[in-house]
Amino acid sequence: MTENEISYKIIGAAIEVHKNLGVGLLENAYETALVYELQKLGLKVKQQYSLPLNYKEIGIDNAYRIDILVENKVIIEVKSVLELHPIHFAQTKTYLKFTNLKLGLLINFKTQLLKDGIHRIVNKL
């Protein structure tokens, strides 16, 4: 399955979660519900996936934690904030860079229309 095919399924699952839970919950609620929906679709999902980082001659365990990794191809960063800031986009780009993955979805569930809270972030390898 390609990254675009996976992202299509992720967006559908996110819409389902948003439709059922609405606006105003903590990120963990949306993240857990989204993992449930993605697993129901038969996708391989890792939640709160911790990764090490090599910096020069040292290794840093648990340097960053990906909210959701789908099919080892697409990163999902889940937010529930009034407004996304540049740092949220930068964080997702950094995760893509260090994993050498192509596609990330930054999803903010604190929006009236979820389509306004979904952002595709592409790593130009």
PDB file of N, CA and C in Angstrom:
ATOM      1  N   MET A   1       0.843  -1.169   0.000  1.00  0.00           N
ATOM      2  CA  MET A   1       0.000   0.000   0.000  1.00  0.00           C
ATOM      3  C   MET A   1       0.903   1.252   0.000  1.00  0.00           C
ATOM      4  N   THR A   2       0.552   2.228  -0.804  1.00  0.00           N
ATOM      5  CA  THR A   2       1.342   3.460  -0.879  1.00  0.00           C
ATOM      6  C   THR A   2       0.992   4.391   0.277  1.00  0.00           C
ATOM      7  N   GLU A   3       1.839   5.392   0.471  1.00  0.00           N
ATOM      8  CA  GLU A   3       1.586   6.387   1.508  1.00  0.00           C
ATOM      9  C   GLU A   3       0.261   7.106   1.270  1.00  0.00           C
ATOM     10  N   ASN A   4      -0.045   7.397   0.014  1.00  0.00           N
ATOM     11  CA  ASN A   4      -1.306   8.086  -0.296  1.00  0.00           C
ATOM     12  C   ASN A   4      -2.513   7.209   0.014  1.00  0.00           C
ATOM     13  N   GLU A   5      -2.420   5.918  -0.276  1.00  0.00           N
ATOM     14  CA  GLU A   5      -3.521   5.002   0.036  1.00  0.00           C
ATOM     15  C   GLU A   5      -3.718   4.897   1.549  1.00  0.00           C
ATOM     16  N   ILE A   6      -2.611   4.841   2.263  1.00  0.00           N
ATOM     17  CA  ILE A   6      -2.683   4.780   3.725  1.00  0.00           C
ATOM     18  C   ILE A   6      -3.284   6.074   4.277  1.00  0.00           C
ATOM     19  N   SER A   7      -2.835   7.221   3.754  1.00  0.00           N
ATOM     20  CA  SER A   7      -3.342   8.500   4.272  1.00  0.00           C
ATOM     21  C   SER A   7      -4.834   8.646   4.013  1.00  0.00           C
ATOM     22  N   TYR A   8      -5.315   8.124   2.905  1.00  0.00           N
ATOM     23  CA  TYR A   8      -6.746   8.161   2.599  1.00  0.00           C
ATOM     24  C   TYR A   8      -7.523   7.423   3.700  1.00  0.00           C
ATOM     25  N   LYS A   9      -7.015   6.246   4.103  1.00  0.00           N
ATOM     26  CA  LYS A   9      -7.680   5.468   5.154  1.00  0.00           C
ATOM     27  C   LYS A   9      -7.578   6.174   6.504  1.00  0.00           C
ATOM     28  N   ILE A  10      -6.429   6.792   6.766  1.00  0.00           N
ATOM     29  CA  ILE A  10      -6.248   7.514   8.023  1.00  0.00           C
ATOM     30  C   ILE A  10      -7.244   8.661   8.125  1.00  0.00           C
ATOM     31  N   ILE A  11      -7.387   9.419   7.053  1.00  0.00           N
ATOM     32  CA  ILE A  11      -8.303  10.563   7.069  1.00  0.00           C
ATOM     33  C   ILE A  11      -9.737  10.098   7.287  1.00  0.00           C
ATOM     34  N   GLY A  12     -10.126   9.029   6.641  1.00  0.00           N
ATOM     35  CA  GLY A  12     -11.467   8.477   6.854  1.00  0.00           C
ATOM     36  C   GLY A  12     -11.682   8.064   8.305  1.00  0.00           C
ATOM     37  N   ALA A  13     -10.676   7.418   8.892  1.00  0.00           N
ATOM     38  CA  ALA A  13     -10.772   6.997  10.291  1.00  0.00           C
ATOM     39  C   ALA A  13     -10.816   8.201  11.216  1.00  0.00           C
ATOM     40  N   ALA A  14     -10.040   9.236  10.922  1.00  0.00           N
ATOM     41  CA  ALA A  14     -10.033  10.443  11.748  1.00  0.00           C
ATOM     42  C   ALA A  14     -11.389  11.139  11.702  1.00  0.00           C
ATOM     43  N   ILE A  15     -11.993  11.177  10.534  1.00  0.00           N
ATOM     44  CA  ILE A  15     -13.327  11.771  10.402  1.00  0.00           C
ATOM     45  C   ILE A  15     -14.336  10.984  11.239  1.00  0.00           C
ATOM     46  N   GLU A  16     -14.232   9.675  11.228  1.00  0.00           N
ATOM     47  CA  GLU A  16     -15.119   8.832  12.034  1.00  0.00           C
ATOM     48  C   GLU A  16     -14.958   9.148  13.526  1.00  0.00           C
ATOM     49  N   VAL A  17     -13.721   9.281  13.974  1.00  0.00           N
ATOM     50  CA  VAL A  17     -13.456   9.603  15.380  1.00  0.00           C
ATOM     51  C   VAL A  17     -14.043  10.975  15.726  1.00  0.00           C
ATOM     52  N   HIS A  18     -13.779  11.954  14.884  1.00  0.00           N
ATOM     53  CA  HIS A  18     -14.250  13.318  15.140  1.00  0.00           C
ATOM     54  C   HIS A  18     -15.777  13.378  15.155  1.00  0.00           C
ATOM     55  N   LYS A  19     -16.382  12.648  14.250  1.00  0.00           N
ATOM     56  CA  LYS A  19     -17.849  12.611  14.172  1.00  0.00           C
ATOM     57  C   LYS A  19     -18.449  12.033  15.454  1.00  0.00           C
ATOM     58  N   ASN A  20     -17.800  11.029  16.024  1.00  0.00           N
ATOM     59  CA  ASN A  20     -18.335  10.365  17.214  1.00  0.00           C
ATOM     60  C   ASN A  20     -17.954  11.051  18.524  1.00  0.00           C
ATOM     61  N   LEU A  21     -16.764  11.630  18.593  1.00  0.00           N
ATOM     62  CA  LEU A  21     -16.310  12.231  19.850  1.00  0.00           C
ATOM     63  C   LEU A  21     -16.517  13.735  19.922  1.00  0.00           C
ATOM     64  N   GLY A  22     -16.565  14.388  18.760  1.00  0.00           N
ATOM     65  CA  GLY A  22     -16.736  15.835  18.767  1.00  0.00           C
ATOM     66  C   GLY A  22     -15.461  16.565  19.153  1.00  0.00           C
ATOM     67  N   VAL A  23     -15.625  17.788  19.602  1.00  0.00           N
ATOM     68  CA  VAL A  23     -14.504  18.685  19.915  1.00  0.00           C
ATOM     69  C   VAL A  23     -14.370  18.820  21.430  1.00  0.00           C
ATOM     70  N   GLY A  24     -13.150  18.974  21.918  1.00  0.00           N
ATOM     71  CA  GLY A  24     -12.967  19.350  23.312  1.00  0.00           C
ATOM     72  C   GLY A  24     -12.313  18.330  24.218  1.00  0.00           C
ATOM     73  N   LEU A  25     -11.958  17.170  23.701  1.00  0.00           N
ATOM     74  CA  LEU A  25     -11.306  16.171  24.546  1.00  0.00           C
ATOM     75  C   LEU A  25      -9.787  16.330  24.501  1.00  0.00           C
ATOM     76  N   LEU A  26      -9.108  15.614  25.366  1.00  0.00           N
ATOM     77  CA  LEU A  26      -7.651  15.611  25.367  1.00  0.00           C
ATOM     78  C   LEU A  26      -7.121  14.786  24.191  1.00  0.00           C
ATOM     79  N   GLU A  27      -5.892  15.076  23.805  1.00  0.00           N
ATOM     80  CA  GLU A  27      -5.280  14.392  22.660  1.00  0.00           C
ATOM     81  C   GLU A  27      -5.314  12.877  22.813  1.00  0.00           C
ATOM     82  N   ASN A  28      -5.076  12.389  24.023  1.00  0.00           N
ATOM     83  CA  ASN A  28      -5.019  10.947  24.246  1.00  0.00           C
ATOM     84  C   ASN A  28      -6.320  10.251  23.844  1.00  0.00           C
ATOM     85  N   ALA A  29      -7.445  10.883  24.084  1.00  0.00           N
ATOM     86  CA  ALA A  29      -8.730  10.280  23.717  1.00  0.00           C
ATOM     87  C   ALA A  29      -8.823  10.107  22.199  1.00  0.00           C
ATOM     88  N   TYR A  30      -8.470  11.144  21.461  1.00  0.00           N
ATOM     89  CA  TYR A  30      -8.519  11.071  20.000  1.00  0.00           C
ATOM     90  C   TYR A  30      -7.500  10.072  19.464  1.00  0.00           C
ATOM     91  N   GLU A  31      -6.315  10.100  20.050  1.00  0.00           N
ATOM     92  CA  GLU A  31      -5.260   9.193  19.603  1.00  0.00           C
ATOM     93  C   GLU A  31      -5.669   7.736  19.788  1.00  0.00           C
ATOM     94  N   THR A  32      -6.182   7.412  20.959  1.00  0.00           N
ATOM     95  CA  THR A  32      -6.579   6.035  21.249  1.00  0.00           C
ATOM     96  C   THR A  32      -7.740   5.595  20.355  1.00  0.00           C
ATOM     97  N   ALA A  33      -8.711   6.474  20.161  1.00  0.00           N
ATOM     98  CA  ALA A  33      -9.841   6.146  19.286  1.00  0.00           C
ATOM     99  C   ALA A  33      -9.378   5.981  17.840  1.00  0.00           C
ATOM    100  N   LEU A  34      -8.440   6.814  17.401  1.00  0.00           N
ATOM    101  CA  LEU A  34      -7.927   6.715  16.032  1.00  0.00           C
ATOM    102  C   LEU A  34      -7.159   5.407  15.840  1.00  0.00           C
ATOM    103  N   VAL A  35      -6.362   5.023  16.814  1.00  0.00           N
ATOM    104  CA  VAL A  35      -5.658   3.735  16.740  1.00  0.00           C
ATOM    105  C   VAL A  35      -6.664   2.599  16.612  1.00  0.00           C
ATOM    106  N   TYR A  36      -7.719   2.649  17.398  1.00  0.00           N
ATOM    107  CA  TYR A  36      -8.776   1.632  17.331  1.00  0.00           C
ATOM    108  C   TYR A  36      -9.368   1.543  15.920  1.00  0.00           C
ATOM    109  N   GLU A  37      -9.718   2.692  15.349  1.00  0.00           N
ATOM    110  CA  GLU A  37     -10.321   2.715  14.009  1.00  0.00           C
ATOM    111  C   GLU A  37      -9.345   2.197  12.949  1.00  0.00           C
ATOM    112  N   LEU A  38      -8.090   2.564  13.065  1.00  0.00           N
ATOM    113  CA  LEU A  38      -7.088   2.115  12.083  1.00  0.00           C
ATOM    114  C   LEU A  38      -6.862   0.607  12.178  1.00  0.00           C
ATOM    115  N   GLN A  39      -6.839   0.095  13.396  1.00  0.00           N
ATOM    116  CA  GLN A  39      -6.683  -1.351  13.567  1.00  0.00           C
ATOM    117  C   GLN A  39      -7.889  -2.103  13.035  1.00  0.00           C
ATOM    118  N   LYS A  40      -9.086  -1.529  13.202  1.00  0.00           N
ATOM    119  CA  LYS A  40     -10.294  -2.147  12.636  1.00  0.00           C
ATOM    120  C   LYS A  40     -10.194  -2.260  11.114  1.00  0.00           C
ATOM    121  N   LEU A  41      -9.462  -1.329  10.496  1.00  0.00           N
ATOM    122  CA  LEU A  41      -9.278  -1.360   9.045  1.00  0.00           C
ATOM    123  C   LEU A  41      -8.189  -2.345   8.624  1.00  0.00           C
ATOM    124  N   GLY A  42      -7.574  -2.995   9.596  1.00  0.00           N
ATOM    125  CA  GLY A  42      -6.540  -3.988   9.301  1.00  0.00           C
ATOM    126  C   GLY A  42      -5.153  -3.404   9.104  1.00  0.00           C
ATOM    127  N   LEU A  43      -4.957  -2.162   9.523  1.00  0.00           N
ATOM    128  CA  LEU A  43      -3.654  -1.527   9.357  1.00  0.00           C
ATOM    129  C   LEU A  43      -2.745  -1.839  10.546  1.00  0.00           C
ATOM    130  N   LYS A  44      -1.454  -1.961  10.264  1.00  0.00           N
ATOM    131  CA  LYS A  44      -0.456  -2.172  11.303  1.00  0.00           C
ATOM    132  C   LYS A  44      -0.156  -0.815  11.940  1.00  0.00           C
ATOM    133  N   VAL A  45      -0.378  -0.706  13.255  1.00  0.00           N
ATOM    134  CA  VAL A  45      -0.296   0.577  13.948  1.00  0.00           C
ATOM    135  C   VAL A  45       0.583   0.454  15.186  1.00  0.00           C
ATOM    136  N   LYS A  46       1.440   1.459  15.371  1.00  0.00           N
ATOM    137  CA  LYS A  46       2.234   1.575  16.597  1.00  0.00           C
ATOM    138  C   LYS A  46       1.857   2.901  17.242  1.00  0.00           C
ATOM    139  N   GLN A  47       1.527   2.835  18.537  1.00  0.00           N
ATOM    140  CA  GLN A  47       1.106   4.040  19.265  1.00  0.00           C
ATOM    141  C   GLN A  47       2.190   4.445  20.259  1.00  0.00           C
ATOM    142  N   GLN A  48       2.436   5.765  20.363  1.00  0.00           N
ATOM    143  CA  GLN A  48       3.467   6.300  21.255  1.00  0.00           C
ATOM    144  C   GLN A  48       4.781   5.534  21.054  1.00  0.00           C
ATOM    145  N   TYR A  49       5.206   5.521  19.799  1.00  0.00           N
ATOM    146  CA  TYR A  49       6.376   4.762  19.369  1.00  0.00           C
ATOM    147  C   TYR A  49       7.638   5.574  19.644  1.00  0.00           C
ATOM    148  N   SER A  50       8.444   5.095  20.571  1.00  0.00           N
ATOM    149  CA  SER A  50       9.644   5.795  21.002  1.00  0.00           C
ATOM    150  C   SER A  50      10.832   5.360  20.158  1.00  0.00           C
ATOM    151  N   LEU A  51      11.623   6.328  19.716  1.00  0.00           N
ATOM    152  CA  LEU A  51      12.774   6.026  18.872  1.00  0.00           C
ATOM    153  C   LEU A  51      14.036   6.685  19.412  1.00  0.00           C
ATOM    154  N   PRO A  52      15.164   6.003  19.236  1.00  0.00           N
ATOM    155  CA  PRO A  52      16.438   6.592  19.650  1.00  0.00           C
ATOM    156  C   PRO A  52      16.976   7.526  18.574  1.00  0.00           C
ATOM    157  N   LEU A  53      17.988   8.262  18.931  1.00  0.00           N
ATOM    158  CA  LEU A  53      18.621   9.194  18.008  1.00  0.00           C
ATOM    159  C   LEU A  53      20.124   9.100  18.202  1.00  0.00           C
ATOM    160  N   ASN A  54      20.869   9.061  17.122  1.00  0.00           N
ATOM    161  CA  ASN A  54      22.325   9.118  17.199  1.00  0.00           C
ATOM    162  C   ASN A  54      22.757  10.555  16.985  1.00  0.00           C
ATOM    163  N   TYR A  55      23.508  11.059  17.953  1.00  0.00           N
ATOM    164  CA  TYR A  55      24.062  12.402  17.854  1.00  0.00           C
ATOM    165  C   TYR A  55      25.580  12.283  17.971  1.00  0.00           C
ATOM    166  N   LYS A  56      26.232  12.544  16.857  1.00  0.00           N
ATOM    167  CA  LYS A  56      27.688  12.406  16.780  1.00  0.00           C
ATOM    168  C   LYS A  56      28.085  11.026  17.280  1.00  0.00           C
ATOM    169  N   GLU A  57      28.833  10.938  18.380  1.00  0.00           N
ATOM    170  CA  GLU A  57      29.305   9.629  18.863  1.00  0.00           C
ATOM    171  C   GLU A  57      28.410   9.002  19.928  1.00  0.00           C
ATOM    172  N   ILE A  58      27.290   9.652  20.246  1.00  0.00           N
ATOM    173  CA  ILE A  58      26.457   9.110  21.327  1.00  0.00           C
ATOM    174  C   ILE A  58      25.069   8.725  20.820  1.00  0.00           C
ATOM    175  N   GLY A  59      24.472   7.806  21.516  1.00  0.00           N
ATOM    176  CA  GLY A  59      23.091   7.433  21.254  1.00  0.00           C
ATOM    177  C   GLY A  59      22.199   8.015  22.333  1.00  0.00           C
ATOM    178  N   ILE A  60      21.063   8.526  21.920  1.00  0.00           N
ATOM    179  CA  ILE A  60      20.107   9.096  22.872  1.00  0.00           C
ATOM    180  C   ILE A  60      18.843   8.244  22.819  1.00  0.00           C
ATOM    181  N   ASP A  61      18.636   7.464  23.860  1.00  0.00           N
ATOM    182  CA  ASP A  61      17.431   6.627  23.919  1.00  0.00           C
ATOM    183  C   ASP A  61      16.205   7.506  24.109  1.00  0.00           C
ATOM    184  N   ASN A  62      15.102   7.085  23.564  1.00  0.00           N
ATOM    185  CA  ASN A  62      13.832   7.802  23.724  1.00  0.00           C
ATOM    186  C   ASN A  62      13.958   9.284  23.385  1.00  0.00           C
ATOM    187  N   ALA A  63      14.621   9.588  22.292  1.00  0.00           N
ATOM    188  CA  ALA A  63      14.835  10.980  21.888  1.00  0.00           C
ATOM    189  C   ALA A  63      13.547  11.634  21.421  1.00  0.00           C
ATOM    190  N   TYR A  64      12.670  10.843  20.825  1.00  0.00           N
ATOM    191  CA  TYR A  64      11.389  11.374  20.395  1.00  0.00           C
ATOM    192  C   TYR A  64      10.369  10.262  20.361  1.00  0.00           C
ATOM    193  N   ARG A  65       9.107  10.659  20.413  1.00  0.00           N
ATOM    194  CA  ARG A  65       8.005   9.693  20.467  1.00  0.00           C
ATOM    195  C   ARG A  65       6.973  10.083  19.420  1.00  0.00           C
ATOM    196  N   ILE A  66       6.737   9.168  18.503  1.00  0.00           N
ATOM    197  CA  ILE A  66       5.744   9.372  17.453  1.00  0.00           C
ATOM    198  C   ILE A  66       4.381   8.983  18.012  1.00  0.00           C
ATOM    199  N   ASP A  67       3.383   9.861  17.856  1.00  0.00           N
ATOM    200  CA  ASP A  67       2.048   9.540  18.368  1.00  0.00           C
ATOM    201  C   ASP A  67       1.540   8.236  17.756  1.00  0.00           C
ATOM    202  N   ILE A  68       1.503   8.195  16.418  1.00  0.00           N
ATOM    203  CA  ILE A  68       1.021   6.996  15.726  1.00  0.00           C
ATOM    204  C   ILE A  68       1.864   6.786  14.472  1.00  0.00           C
ATOM    205  N   LEU A  69       2.302   5.548  14.282  1.00  0.00           N
ATOM    206  CA  LEU A  69       3.009   5.158  13.065  1.00  0.00           C
ATOM    207  C   LEU A  69       2.171   4.085  12.384  1.00  0.00           C
ATOM    208  N   VAL A  70       1.815   4.318  11.125  1.00  0.00           N
ATOM    209  CA  VAL A  70       0.923   3.404  10.409  1.00  0.00           C
ATOM    210  C   VAL A  70       1.689   2.707   9.284  1.00  0.00           C
ATOM    211  N   GLU A  71       1.646   1.376   9.320  1.00  0.00           N
ATOM    212  CA  GLU A  71       2.269   0.546   8.285  1.00  0.00           C
ATOM    213  C   GLU A  71       3.754   0.866   8.099  1.00  0.00           C
ATOM    214  N   ASN A  72       4.388   1.391   9.134  1.00  0.00           N
ATOM    215  CA  ASN A  72       5.797   1.796   9.073  1.00  0.00           C
ATOM    216  C   ASN A  72       6.071   2.757   7.923  1.00  0.00           C
ATOM    217  N   LYS A  73       5.040   3.520   7.510  1.00  0.00           N
ATOM    218  CA  LYS A  73       5.170   4.428   6.379  1.00  0.00           C
ATOM    219  C   LYS A  73       4.666   5.837   6.638  1.00  0.00           C
ATOM    220  N   VAL A  74       3.653   5.989   7.479  1.00  0.00           N
ATOM    221  CA  VAL A  74       3.022   7.305   7.679  1.00  0.00           C
ATOM    222  C   VAL A  74       2.990   7.625   9.170  1.00  0.00           C
ATOM    223  N   ILE A  75       3.486   8.814   9.479  1.00  0.00           N
ATOM    224  CA  ILE A  75       3.468   9.315  10.853  1.00  0.00           C
ATOM    225  C   ILE A  75       2.221  10.174  11.042  1.00  0.00           C
ATOM    226  N   ILE A  76       1.557   9.982  12.188  1.00  0.00           N
ATOM    227  CA  ILE A  76       0.430  10.849  12.553  1.00  0.00           C
ATOM    228  C   ILE A  76       0.794  11.561  13.845  1.00  0.00           C
ATOM    229  N   GLU A  77       0.735  12.871  13.816  1.00  0.00           N
ATOM    230  CA  GLU A  77       0.914  13.684  15.012  1.00  0.00           C
ATOM    231  C   GLU A  77      -0.470  14.212  15.383  1.00  0.00           C
ATOM    232  N   VAL A  78      -0.966  13.824  16.547  1.00  0.00           N
ATOM    233  CA  VAL A  78      -2.309  14.173  16.991  1.00  0.00           C
ATOM    234  C   VAL A  78      -2.252  15.393  17.902  1.00  0.00           C
ATOM    235  N   LYS A  79      -3.104  16.362  17.624  1.00  0.00           N
ATOM    236  CA  LYS A  79      -3.220  17.551  18.455  1.00  0.00           C
ATOM    237  C   LYS A  79      -4.689  17.811  18.789  1.00  0.00           C
ATOM    238  N   SER A  80      -4.904  18.515  19.892  1.00  0.00           N
ATOM    239  CA  SER A  80      -6.226  19.004  20.268  1.00  0.00           C
ATOM    240  C   SER A  80      -6.011  20.387  20.866  1.00  0.00           C
ATOM    241  N   VAL A  81      -5.741  21.338  19.976  1.00  0.00           N
ATOM    242  CA  VAL A  81      -5.398  22.703  20.386  1.00  0.00           C
ATOM    243  C   VAL A  81      -6.253  23.704  19.617  1.00  0.00           C
ATOM    244  N   LEU A  82      -6.414  24.894  20.192  1.00  0.00           N
ATOM    245  CA  LEU A  82      -7.212  25.921  19.519  1.00  0.00           C
ATOM    246  C   LEU A  82      -6.589  26.346  18.201  1.00  0.00           C
ATOM    247  N   GLU A  83      -5.259  26.368  18.160  1.00  0.00           N
ATOM    248  CA  GLU A  83      -4.577  26.836  16.957  1.00  0.00           C
ATOM    249  C   GLU A  83      -3.249  26.102  16.804  1.00  0.00           C
ATOM    250  N   LEU A  84      -2.989  25.611  15.600  1.00  0.00           N
ATOM    251  CA  LEU A  84      -1.688  25.016  15.321  1.00  0.00           C
ATOM    252  C   LEU A  84      -0.669  26.126  15.121  1.00  0.00           C
ATOM    253  N   HIS A  85       0.534  25.875  15.591  1.00  0.00           N
ATOM    254  CA  HIS A  85       1.618  26.843  15.462  1.00  0.00           C
ATOM    255  C   HIS A  85       2.739  26.241  14.612  1.00  0.00           C
ATOM    256  N   PRO A  86       3.627  27.075  14.109  1.00  0.00           N
ATOM    257  CA  PRO A  86       4.731  26.561  13.286  1.00  0.00           C
ATOM    258  C   PRO A  86       5.531  25.444  13.955  1.00  0.00           C
ATOM    259  N   ILE A  87       5.635  25.470  15.279  1.00  0.00           N
ATOM    260  CA  ILE A  87       6.389  24.433  15.982  1.00  0.00           C
ATOM    261  C   ILE A  87       5.762  23.052  15.796  1.00  0.00           C
ATOM    262  N   HIS A  88       4.441  22.982  15.669  1.00  0.00           N
ATOM    263  CA  HIS A  88       3.769  21.704  15.455  1.00  0.00           C
ATOM    264  C   HIS A  88       4.151  21.117  14.095  1.00  0.00           C
ATOM    265  N   PHE A  89       4.223  21.967  13.092  1.00  0.00           N
ATOM    266  CA  PHE A  89       4.624  21.522  11.758  1.00  0.00           C
ATOM    267  C   PHE A  89       6.096  21.116  11.753  1.00  0.00           C
ATOM    268  N   ALA A  90       6.924  21.904  12.444  1.00  0.00           N
ATOM    269  CA  ALA A  90       8.356  21.615  12.512  1.00  0.00           C
ATOM    270  C   ALA A  90       8.620  20.287  13.215  1.00  0.00           C
ATOM    271  N   GLN A  91       7.868  20.014  14.256  1.00  0.00           N
ATOM    272  CA  GLN A  91       8.006  18.754  14.991  1.00  0.00           C
ATOM    273  C   GLN A  91       7.732  17.576  14.073  1.00  0.00           C
ATOM    274  N   THR A  92       6.661  17.647  13.321  1.00  0.00           N
ATOM    275  CA  THR A  92       6.315  16.555  12.410  1.00  0.00           C
ATOM    276  C   THR A  92       7.377  16.402  11.329  1.00  0.00           C
ATOM    277  N   LYS A  93       7.870  17.507  10.792  1.00  0.00           N
ATOM    278  CA  LYS A  93       8.936  17.452   9.781  1.00  0.00           C
ATOM    279  C   LYS A  93      10.198  16.816  10.352  1.00  0.00           C
ATOM    280  N   THR A  94      10.525  17.136  11.594  1.00  0.00           N
ATOM    281  CA  THR A  94      11.704  16.551  12.228  1.00  0.00           C
ATOM    282  C   THR A  94      11.546  15.044  12.374  1.00  0.00           C
ATOM    283  N   TYR A  95      10.372  14.594  12.780  1.00  0.00           N
ATOM    284  CA  TYR A  95      10.127  13.154  12.898  1.00  0.00           C
ATOM    285  C   TYR A  95      10.299  12.462  11.552  1.00  0.00           C
ATOM    286  N   LEU A  96       9.790  13.087  10.499  1.00  0.00           N
ATOM    287  CA  LEU A  96       9.946  12.512   9.158  1.00  0.00           C
ATOM    288  C   LEU A  96      11.419  12.440   8.779  1.00  0.00           C
ATOM    289  N   LYS A  97      12.147  13.488   9.067  1.00  0.00           N
ATOM    290  CA  LYS A  97      13.574  13.538   8.736  1.00  0.00           C
ATOM    291  C   LYS A  97      14.334  12.407   9.417  1.00  0.00           C
ATOM    292  N   PHE A  98      14.127  12.229  10.715  1.00  0.00           N
ATOM    293  CA  PHE A  98      14.891  11.238  11.462  1.00  0.00           C
ATOM    294  C   PHE A  98      14.459   9.802  11.184  1.00  0.00           C
ATOM    295  N   THR A  99      13.269   9.604  10.671  1.00  0.00           N
ATOM    296  CA  THR A  99      12.812   8.251  10.322  1.00  0.00           C
ATOM    297  C   THR A  99      12.999   7.945   8.836  1.00  0.00           C
ATOM    298  N   ASN A 100      13.349   8.959   8.051  1.00  0.00           N
ATOM    299  CA  ASN A 100      13.459   8.823   6.590  1.00  0.00           C
ATOM    300  C   ASN A 100      12.140   8.383   5.957  1.00  0.00           C
ATOM    301  N   LEU A 101      11.038   8.802   6.559  1.00  0.00           N
ATOM    302  CA  LEU A 101       9.728   8.515   5.980  1.00  0.00           C
ATOM    303  C   LEU A 101       9.293   9.698   5.132  1.00  0.00           C
ATOM    304  N   LYS A 102       8.368   9.441   4.203  1.00  0.00           N
ATOM    305  CA  LYS A 102       7.954  10.458   3.241  1.00  0.00           C
ATOM    306  C   LYS A 102       6.776  11.312   3.695  1.00  0.00           C
ATOM    307  N   LEU A 103       5.840  10.724   4.454  1.00  0.00           N
ATOM    308  CA  LEU A 103       4.580  11.408   4.702  1.00  0.00           C
ATOM    309  C   LEU A 103       4.197  11.420   6.172  1.00  0.00           C
ATOM    310  N   GLY A 104       3.758  12.595   6.615  1.00  0.00           N
ATOM    311  CA  GLY A 104       3.212  12.742   7.946  1.00  0.00           C
ATOM    312  C   GLY A 104       1.884  13.481   7.866  1.00  0.00           C
ATOM    313  N   LEU A 105       0.991  13.166   8.777  1.00  0.00           N
ATOM    314  CA  LEU A 105      -0.273  13.879   8.895  1.00  0.00           C
ATOM    315  C   LEU A 105      -0.325  14.523  10.270  1.00  0.00           C
ATOM    316  N   LEU A 106      -0.485  15.823  10.283  1.00  0.00           N
ATOM    317  CA  LEU A 106      -0.694  16.570  11.511  1.00  0.00           C
ATOM    318  C   LEU A 106      -2.201  16.792  11.606  1.00  0.00           C
ATOM    319  N   ILE A 107      -2.822  16.182  12.610  1.00  0.00           N
ATOM    320  CA  ILE A 107      -4.284  16.238  12.727  1.00  0.00           C
ATOM    321  C   ILE A 107      -4.663  16.929  14.026  1.00  0.00           C
ATOM    322  N   ASN A 108      -5.351  18.060  13.902  1.00  0.00           N
ATOM    323  CA  ASN A 108      -5.859  18.791  15.059  1.00  0.00           C
ATOM    324  C   ASN A 108      -7.362  18.525  15.178  1.00  0.00           C
ATOM    325  N   PHE A 109      -7.743  17.834  16.241  1.00  0.00           N
ATOM    326  CA  PHE A 109      -9.147  17.469  16.438  1.00  0.00           C
ATOM    327  C   PHE A 109      -9.982  18.597  17.040  1.00  0.00           C
ATOM    328  N   LYS A 110      -9.354  19.691  17.449  1.00  0.00           N
ATOM    329  CA  LYS A 110     -10.114  20.785  18.055  1.00  0.00           C
ATOM    330  C   LYS A 110     -10.531  21.782  16.976  1.00  0.00           C
ATOM    331  N   THR A 111     -11.289  21.293  16.002  1.00  0.00           N
ATOM    332  CA  THR A 111     -11.832  22.119  14.924  1.00  0.00           C
ATOM    333  C   THR A 111     -13.275  21.688  14.688  1.00  0.00           C
ATOM    334  N   GLN A 112     -14.100  22.637  14.277  1.00  0.00           N
ATOM    335  CA  GLN A 112     -15.493  22.293  13.991  1.00  0.00           C
ATOM    336  C   GLN A 112     -15.590  21.359  12.789  1.00  0.00           C
ATOM    337  N   LEU A 113     -14.816  21.647  11.754  1.00  0.00           N
ATOM    338  CA  LEU A 113     -14.741  20.776  10.578  1.00  0.00           C
ATOM    339  C   LEU A 113     -13.354  20.152  10.565  1.00  0.00           C
ATOM    340  N   LEU A 114     -13.286  18.839  10.672  1.00  0.00           N
ATOM    341  CA  LEU A 114     -11.993  18.184  10.783  1.00  0.00           C
ATOM    342  C   LEU A 114     -11.108  18.443   9.568  1.00  0.00           C
ATOM    343  N   LYS A 115     -11.711  18.620   8.401  1.00  0.00           N
ATOM    344  CA  LYS A 115     -10.903  18.871   7.199  1.00  0.00           C
ATOM    345  C   LYS A 115     -10.019  20.095   7.376  1.00  0.00           C
ATOM    346  N   ASP A 116     -10.441  21.045   8.217  1.00  0.00           N
ATOM    347  CA  ASP A 116      -9.631  22.231   8.490  1.00  0.00           C
ATOM    348  C   ASP A 116      -8.458  21.928   9.421  1.00  0.00           C
ATOM    349  N   GLY A 117      -8.499  20.768  10.065  1.00  0.00           N
ATOM    350  CA  GLY A 117      -7.448  20.401  11.015  1.00  0.00           C
ATOM    351  C   GLY A 117      -6.474  19.362  10.505  1.00  0.00           C
ATOM    352  N   ILE A 118      -6.620  18.947   9.250  1.00  0.00           N
ATOM    353  CA  ILE A 118      -5.744  17.913   8.690  1.00  0.00           C
ATOM    354  C   ILE A 118      -4.713  18.554   7.768  1.00  0.00           C
ATOM    355  N   HIS A 119      -3.442  18.264   8.043  1.00  0.00           N
ATOM    356  CA  HIS A 119      -2.352  18.840   7.251  1.00  0.00           C
ATOM    357  C   HIS A 119      -1.387  17.728   6.837  1.00  0.00           C
ATOM    358  N   ARG A 120      -1.140  17.641   5.532  1.00  0.00           N
ATOM    359  CA  ARG A 120      -0.167  16.693   4.986  1.00  0.00           C
ATOM    360  C   ARG A 120       1.206  17.357   5.013  1.00  0.00           C
ATOM    361  N   ILE A 121       2.169  16.623   5.516  1.00  0.00           N
ATOM    362  CA  ILE A 121       3.536  17.126   5.551  1.00  0.00           C
ATOM    363  C   ILE A 121       4.412  16.109   4.838  1.00  0.00           C
ATOM    364  N   VAL A 122       5.125  16.584   3.822  1.00  0.00           N
ATOM    365  CA  VAL A 122       5.913  15.697   2.982  1.00  0.00           C
ATOM    366  C   VAL A 122       7.402  15.934   3.246  1.00  0.00           C
ATOM    367  N   ASN A 123       8.125  14.842   3.402  1.00  0.00           N
ATOM    368  CA  ASN A 123       9.572  14.906   3.571  1.00  0.00           C
ATOM    369  C   ASN A 123      10.200  14.769   2.198  1.00  0.00           C
ATOM    370  N   LYS A 124      10.859  15.811   1.762  1.00  0.00           N
ATOM    371  CA  LYS A 124      11.507  15.789   0.450  1.00  0.00           C
ATOM    372  C   LYS A 124      12.881  15.185   0.601  1.00  0.00           C
ATOM    373  N   LEU A 125      12.902  13.860   0.675  1.00  0.00           N
ATOM    374  CA  LEU A 125      14.128  13.102   0.937  1.00  0.00           C
ATOM    375  C   LEU A 125      15.220  13.571   0.086  1.00  0.00           C
TER     376      LEU A 125
END
